[in-house]
Amino acid sequence: MDDFQKTMQTLGMNFLRFAIVLVIGVLVVRLILIPVKRLLLKSKLDHTAKTFLFSSCKVLLYAVIVVSALGTANVNISSILTALGAAALTAGLAIQDTLKNFVSGIILLFNKPISAGDLIQVDGYEGKVESIRLFYTKIVLLDNRVLQLPNCKLTSNNVVNCSEAGTRRVDLTFSVSYEDSIAKVKSVIYDVIAADPQILDVPEAKVYIAEHLDSGLKITVFVWANQEDYYAVKFRMTENVKKAFDKNGITIPYPHIQLVNGSPAEGKKTE
């Protein structure tokens, strides 16, 4: 009975010390988290990064308090930590792909190669970044489909950020016949460019003779627009240049096939 009473007293004192340290520790952690939260709210970090940092700090502080409380209760901490380490290693091997996405999410949130609202091209897709999560990034494609791309795809592949510079070059190609005047062709294209209000004056638009084709000349046109106007300028220029060519008698060559006795003549394909 004496041994039993001593054991119960020891257990009671250990539990009391554990409870006191735990309660005081929780109160201290709450006091610490108040200025941490204010500091994060004032920072310029992404909202997801702020949430992640606050949650990580909170979990770490509470873990320290629990370990300290167990230590005051004479619990063998080293054996617990060893068991937790072995469990963490086993779990890490089982969910290594998830961990890879998690680490990639941390890189994206703090290095910020892309941000919410950016138009990006990656892995054969093009769309606007809606949000960056810890394990995946949500991208709204140009046709309004929603893509949830694992973060490791964004850190291991080449990612083109179309929004970071603010402006974007629109590349266009046209073809004209050899009989058309080059000076007239360039003048007509420059007139179409000048009439488009969404094409920027700086950088200056350029029109080049890019290549001699079998049936005509290949014309390359470079114009600049704000990122949000890129596709509007691209499609409008394609249409307006065709209309201007027709109005000014400029010929766009295309294949012709001469028929002999109702059938295609071999070797008679012309442009």
Protein backbone atom coordinates (compact mmCIF):
# COMPACT_ATOMS: atom_id res chain seq x y z
CA MET A 1 0.00 0.00 0.00
CA ASP A 2 2.86 2.35 0.78
CA ASP A 3 4.41 1.69 -2.63
CA PHE A 4 1.04 2.19 -4.32
CA GLN A 5 0.49 5.49 -2.53
CA LYS A 6 3.97 6.70 -3.48
CA THR A 7 3.38 5.73 -7.11
CA MET A 8 0.04 7.54 -7.20
CA GLN A 9 1.59 10.61 -5.57
CA THR A 10 4.39 10.61 -8.14
CA LEU A 11 1.91 10.22 -11.00
CA GLY A 12 -0.25 12.96 -9.53
CA MET A 13 2.67 15.36 -9.20
CA ASN A 14 3.84 14.56 -12.73
CA PHE A 15 0.35 15.15 -14.11
CA LEU A 16 0.06 18.39 -12.15
CA ARG A 17 3.39 19.65 -13.48
CA PHE A 18 2.35 18.59 -17.01
CA ALA A 19 -0.99 20.43 -16.72
CA ILE A 20 0.57 23.60 -15.26
CA VAL A 21 3.27 23.82 -17.96
CA LEU A 22 0.72 23.03 -20.67
CA VAL A 23 -1.75 25.71 -19.54
CA ILE A 24 0.93 28.37 -19.08
CA GLY A 25 2.50 27.39 -22.41
CA VAL A 26 -0.81 27.71 -24.26
CA LEU A 27 -1.35 31.18 -22.81
CA VAL A 28 2.19 32.23 -23.78
CA VAL A 29 1.75 30.87 -27.32
CA ARG A 30 -1.47 32.83 -27.75
CA LEU A 31 0.28 36.01 -26.64
CA ILE A 32 3.14 35.36 -29.06
CA LEU A 33 0.81 34.65 -31.98
CA ILE A 34 -0.96 38.03 -31.70
CA PRO A 35 2.02 40.16 -32.85
CA VAL A 36 3.05 37.45 -35.34
CA LYS A 37 -0.38 37.63 -36.97
CA ARG A 38 -0.27 41.43 -37.10
CA LEU A 39 3.20 41.35 -38.64
CA LEU A 40 2.12 38.88 -41.33
CA LEU A 41 -1.01 40.90 -42.16
CA LYS A 42 1.14 44.00 -42.72
CA SER A 43 3.59 42.12 -44.96
CA LYS A 44 3.33 41.99 -48.75
CA LEU A 45 3.31 38.20 -48.88
CA ASP A 46 0.64 36.28 -50.76
CA HIS A 47 -2.44 35.42 -48.65
CA THR A 48 -1.70 31.69 -48.96
CA ALA A 49 1.88 32.26 -47.77
CA LYS A 50 0.63 34.28 -44.80
CA THR A 51 -1.80 31.53 -43.82
CA PHE A 52 0.85 28.85 -44.19
CA LEU A 53 3.43 30.75 -42.13
CA PHE A 54 0.95 31.48 -39.35
CA SER A 55 -0.25 27.86 -39.20
CA SER A 56 3.32 26.51 -39.24
CA CYS A 57 4.39 28.89 -36.46
CA LYS A 58 1.35 27.92 -34.41
CA VAL A 59 1.95 24.17 -34.79
CA LEU A 60 5.66 24.53 -33.99
CA LEU A 61 5.06 26.54 -30.81
CA TYR A 62 2.40 24.14 -29.55
CA ALA A 63 4.70 21.18 -30.29
CA VAL A 64 7.45 22.81 -28.21
CA ILE A 65 5.00 23.35 -25.34
CA VAL A 66 3.77 19.73 -25.42
CA VAL A 67 7.34 18.35 -25.48
CA SER A 68 8.36 20.68 -22.61
CA ALA A 69 5.30 19.65 -20.57
CA LEU A 70 6.07 15.96 -21.10
CA GLY A 71 9.66 16.58 -20.03
CA THR A 72 8.57 18.15 -16.73
CA ALA A 73 6.36 15.10 -16.15
CA ASN A 74 9.46 12.85 -16.34
CA VAL A 75 8.32 11.24 -19.60
CA ASN A 76 11.13 9.77 -21.74
CA ILE A 77 11.10 12.28 -24.59
CA SER A 78 13.93 10.65 -26.56
CA SER A 79 11.98 7.44 -27.14
CA ILE A 80 8.92 9.40 -28.25
CA LEU A 81 10.99 11.49 -30.65
CA THR A 82 12.66 8.35 -32.04
CA ALA A 83 9.27 6.73 -32.66
CA LEU A 84 7.95 9.90 -34.29
CA GLY A 85 11.05 10.12 -36.50
CA ALA A 86 10.63 6.54 -37.69
CA ALA A 87 6.95 7.15 -38.38
CA ALA A 88 7.75 10.36 -40.26
CA LEU A 89 10.34 8.55 -42.41
CA THR A 90 7.87 5.79 -43.30
CA ALA A 91 5.14 8.29 -44.09
CA GLY A 92 7.56 10.37 -46.15
CA LEU A 93 8.44 7.42 -48.38
CA ALA A 94 4.74 6.67 -48.86
CA ILE A 95 3.76 10.22 -49.80
CA GLN A 96 6.93 11.46 -51.53
CA ASP A 97 4.97 12.87 -54.49
CA THR A 98 2.78 14.85 -52.10
CA LEU A 99 5.87 16.11 -50.29
CA LYS A 100 7.40 17.11 -53.61
CA ASN A 101 4.32 19.18 -54.42
CA PHE A 102 4.40 20.66 -50.92
CA VAL A 103 8.02 21.79 -51.26
CA SER A 104 7.29 23.16 -54.73
CA GLY A 105 4.35 25.09 -53.27
CA ILE A 106 6.67 26.67 -50.70
CA ILE A 107 9.07 27.69 -53.49
CA LEU A 108 6.24 29.23 -55.53
CA LEU A 109 4.82 31.13 -52.56
CA PHE A 110 8.10 32.70 -51.49
CA ASN A 111 10.12 33.05 -54.71
CA LYS A 112 6.97 34.23 -56.54
CA PRO A 113 7.93 33.38 -60.16
CA ILE A 114 4.19 33.60 -60.79
CA SER A 115 1.34 35.26 -58.89
CA ALA A 116 -2.44 35.08 -58.86
CA GLY A 117 -3.78 36.87 -61.93
CA ASP A 118 -0.77 36.13 -64.17
CA LEU A 119 -1.30 34.63 -67.62
CA ILE A 120 1.13 31.73 -67.99
CA GLN A 121 2.05 29.00 -70.47
CA VAL A 122 3.15 25.68 -68.98
CA ASP A 123 3.08 22.01 -69.93
CA GLY A 124 1.13 22.76 -73.13
CA TYR A 125 -1.53 24.85 -71.36
CA GLU A 126 -2.18 28.59 -71.33
CA GLY A 127 -4.37 30.26 -68.74
CA LYS A 128 -4.66 32.70 -65.86
CA VAL A 129 -3.44 31.73 -62.37
CA GLU A 130 -6.38 31.90 -59.98
CA SER A 131 -4.67 30.72 -56.80
CA ILE A 132 -1.50 29.01 -55.60
CA ARG A 133 -2.10 26.34 -52.96
CA LEU A 134 0.42 24.29 -51.00
CA PHE A 135 -0.01 21.19 -53.19
CA TYR A 136 -1.42 22.46 -56.49
CA THR A 137 -2.02 25.62 -58.49
CA LYS A 138 -5.46 26.46 -59.87
CA ILE A 139 -5.35 27.80 -63.44
CA VAL A 140 -8.35 29.01 -65.48
CA LEU A 141 -7.63 28.19 -69.13
CA LEU A 142 -8.53 30.51 -71.99
CA ASP A 143 -11.68 28.49 -72.77
CA ASN A 144 -12.74 28.78 -69.10
CA ARG A 145 -11.85 25.22 -68.17
CA VAL A 146 -10.21 24.93 -64.75
CA LEU A 147 -6.87 23.14 -64.45
CA GLN A 148 -5.46 22.01 -61.10
CA LEU A 149 -1.77 21.57 -61.86
CA PRO A 150 0.54 19.89 -59.30
CA ASN A 151 3.07 22.41 -58.04
CA CYS A 152 6.03 20.23 -59.03
CA LYS A 153 5.02 20.77 -62.67
CA LEU A 154 5.54 24.50 -62.22
CA THR A 155 8.99 24.17 -60.65
CA SER A 156 10.34 21.39 -62.88
CA ASN A 157 9.04 22.65 -66.27
CA ASN A 158 9.72 25.84 -68.18
CA VAL A 159 7.00 28.35 -67.30
CA VAL A 160 6.34 31.37 -69.53
CA ASN A 161 4.88 34.32 -67.60
CA CYS A 162 3.03 36.43 -70.17
CA SER A 163 1.91 39.07 -67.65
CA GLU A 164 5.07 40.03 -65.80
CA ALA A 165 6.33 42.51 -68.43
CA GLY A 166 2.88 44.08 -68.89
CA THR A 167 3.14 44.21 -72.70
CA ARG A 168 3.40 41.48 -75.29
CA ARG A 169 4.53 41.31 -78.90
CA VAL A 170 1.97 40.14 -81.44
CA ASP A 171 3.60 38.22 -84.30
CA LEU A 172 1.68 38.07 -87.59
CA THR A 173 2.53 36.60 -91.00
CA PHE A 174 1.00 37.35 -94.40
CA SER A 175 1.87 36.43 -97.95
CA VAL A 176 1.65 38.55 -101.12
CA SER A 177 2.44 37.84 -104.76
CA TYR A 178 5.72 38.82 -106.41
CA GLU A 179 3.81 41.21 -108.70
CA ASP A 180 2.70 43.43 -105.79
CA SER A 181 4.76 46.47 -104.85
CA ILE A 182 6.66 45.92 -101.61
CA ALA A 183 6.42 49.61 -100.75
CA LYS A 184 2.65 49.56 -101.25
CA VAL A 185 2.24 46.38 -99.19
CA LYS A 186 4.19 47.88 -96.29
CA SER A 187 2.28 51.16 -96.54
CA VAL A 188 -1.09 49.39 -96.41
CA ILE A 189 -0.06 47.31 -93.37
CA TYR A 190 1.30 50.37 -91.54
CA ASP A 191 -2.00 52.18 -92.20
CA VAL A 192 -3.91 49.28 -90.62
CA ILE A 193 -1.55 49.38 -87.63
CA ALA A 194 -1.98 53.14 -87.20
CA ALA A 195 -5.77 52.80 -87.21
CA ASP A 196 -5.80 50.26 -84.34
CA PRO A 197 -6.09 52.06 -80.97
CA GLN A 198 -4.91 49.05 -78.95
CA ILE A 199 -1.55 48.77 -80.72
CA LEU A 200 1.16 50.59 -78.77
CA ASP A 201 3.34 53.27 -80.33
CA VAL A 202 6.31 52.14 -78.22
CA PRO A 203 7.91 49.75 -79.00
CA GLU A 204 7.55 50.68 -82.66
CA ALA A 205 5.70 48.33 -85.02
CA LYS A 206 7.82 46.62 -87.68
CA VAL A 207 7.00 45.10 -91.07
CA TYR A 208 9.60 42.84 -92.72
CA ILE A 209 9.99 40.77 -95.88
CA ALA A 210 10.73 37.51 -94.10
CA GLU A 211 11.04 34.88 -96.83
CA HIS A 212 10.81 34.18 -100.57
CA LEU A 213 8.16 31.50 -101.04
CA ASP A 214 7.46 29.46 -104.19
CA SER A 215 4.51 31.64 -105.10
CA GLY A 216 5.14 34.92 -103.30
CA LEU A 217 6.67 36.82 -100.43
CA LYS A 218 6.20 36.07 -96.75
CA ILE A 219 5.56 39.23 -94.71
CA THR A 220 6.26 39.23 -90.97
CA VAL A 221 4.65 41.91 -88.80
CA PHE A 222 5.60 42.72 -85.21
CA VAL A 223 3.28 44.93 -83.16
CA TRP A 224 3.04 45.47 -79.41
CA ALA A 225 -0.02 45.51 -77.18
CA ASN A 226 -0.91 45.34 -73.52
CA GLN A 227 -1.21 41.78 -72.28
CA GLU A 228 -5.00 41.95 -71.92
CA ASP A 229 -5.34 43.18 -75.54
CA TYR A 230 -3.10 40.51 -77.10
CA TYR A 231 -5.70 38.24 -78.67
CA ALA A 232 -8.03 41.10 -79.66
CA VAL A 233 -5.17 42.76 -81.58
CA LYS A 234 -4.02 39.47 -83.13
CA PHE A 235 -7.41 38.50 -84.55
CA ARG A 236 -8.43 42.04 -85.52
CA MET A 237 -5.17 42.65 -87.39
CA THR A 238 -5.55 39.36 -89.29
CA GLU A 239 -9.00 40.41 -90.47
CA ASN A 240 -8.25 44.08 -91.16
CA VAL A 241 -5.10 43.38 -93.18
CA LYS A 242 -7.06 41.00 -95.44
CA LYS A 243 -9.72 43.67 -95.98
CA ALA A 244 -7.05 46.29 -96.70
CA PHE A 245 -5.33 43.99 -99.20
CA ASP A 246 -8.61 43.41 -101.03
CA LYS A 247 -9.37 47.15 -101.09
CA ASN A 248 -5.95 48.01 -102.51
CA GLY A 249 -5.75 45.18 -105.04
CA ILE A 250 -2.98 43.28 -103.24
CA THR A 251 -3.02 39.59 -104.08
CA ILE A 252 -2.69 36.82 -101.50
CA PRO A 253 -1.38 33.80 -103.45
CA TYR A 254 -2.96 30.38 -103.01
CA PRO A 255 -2.60 27.02 -104.79
CA HIS A 256 -4.33 26.42 -108.17
CA ILE A 257 -4.65 23.09 -109.96
CA GLN A 258 -5.08 23.01 -113.73
CA LEU A 259 -7.43 20.31 -114.98
CA VAL A 260 -6.71 18.42 -118.22
CA ASN A 261 -9.65 16.43 -119.64
CA GLY A 262 -11.50 16.67 -116.32
CA SER A 263 -8.68 15.36 -114.15
CA PRO A 264 -5.77 17.05 -112.40
CA ALA A 265 -2.84 17.39 -114.77
CA GLU A 266 0.31 15.80 -113.38
CA GLY A 267 2.90 18.43 -112.77
CA LYS A 268 0.42 21.22 -113.58
CA LYS A 269 -0.06 22.54 -110.07
CA THR A 270 0.41 26.28 -110.07
CA GLU A 271 0.09 29.07 -107.53
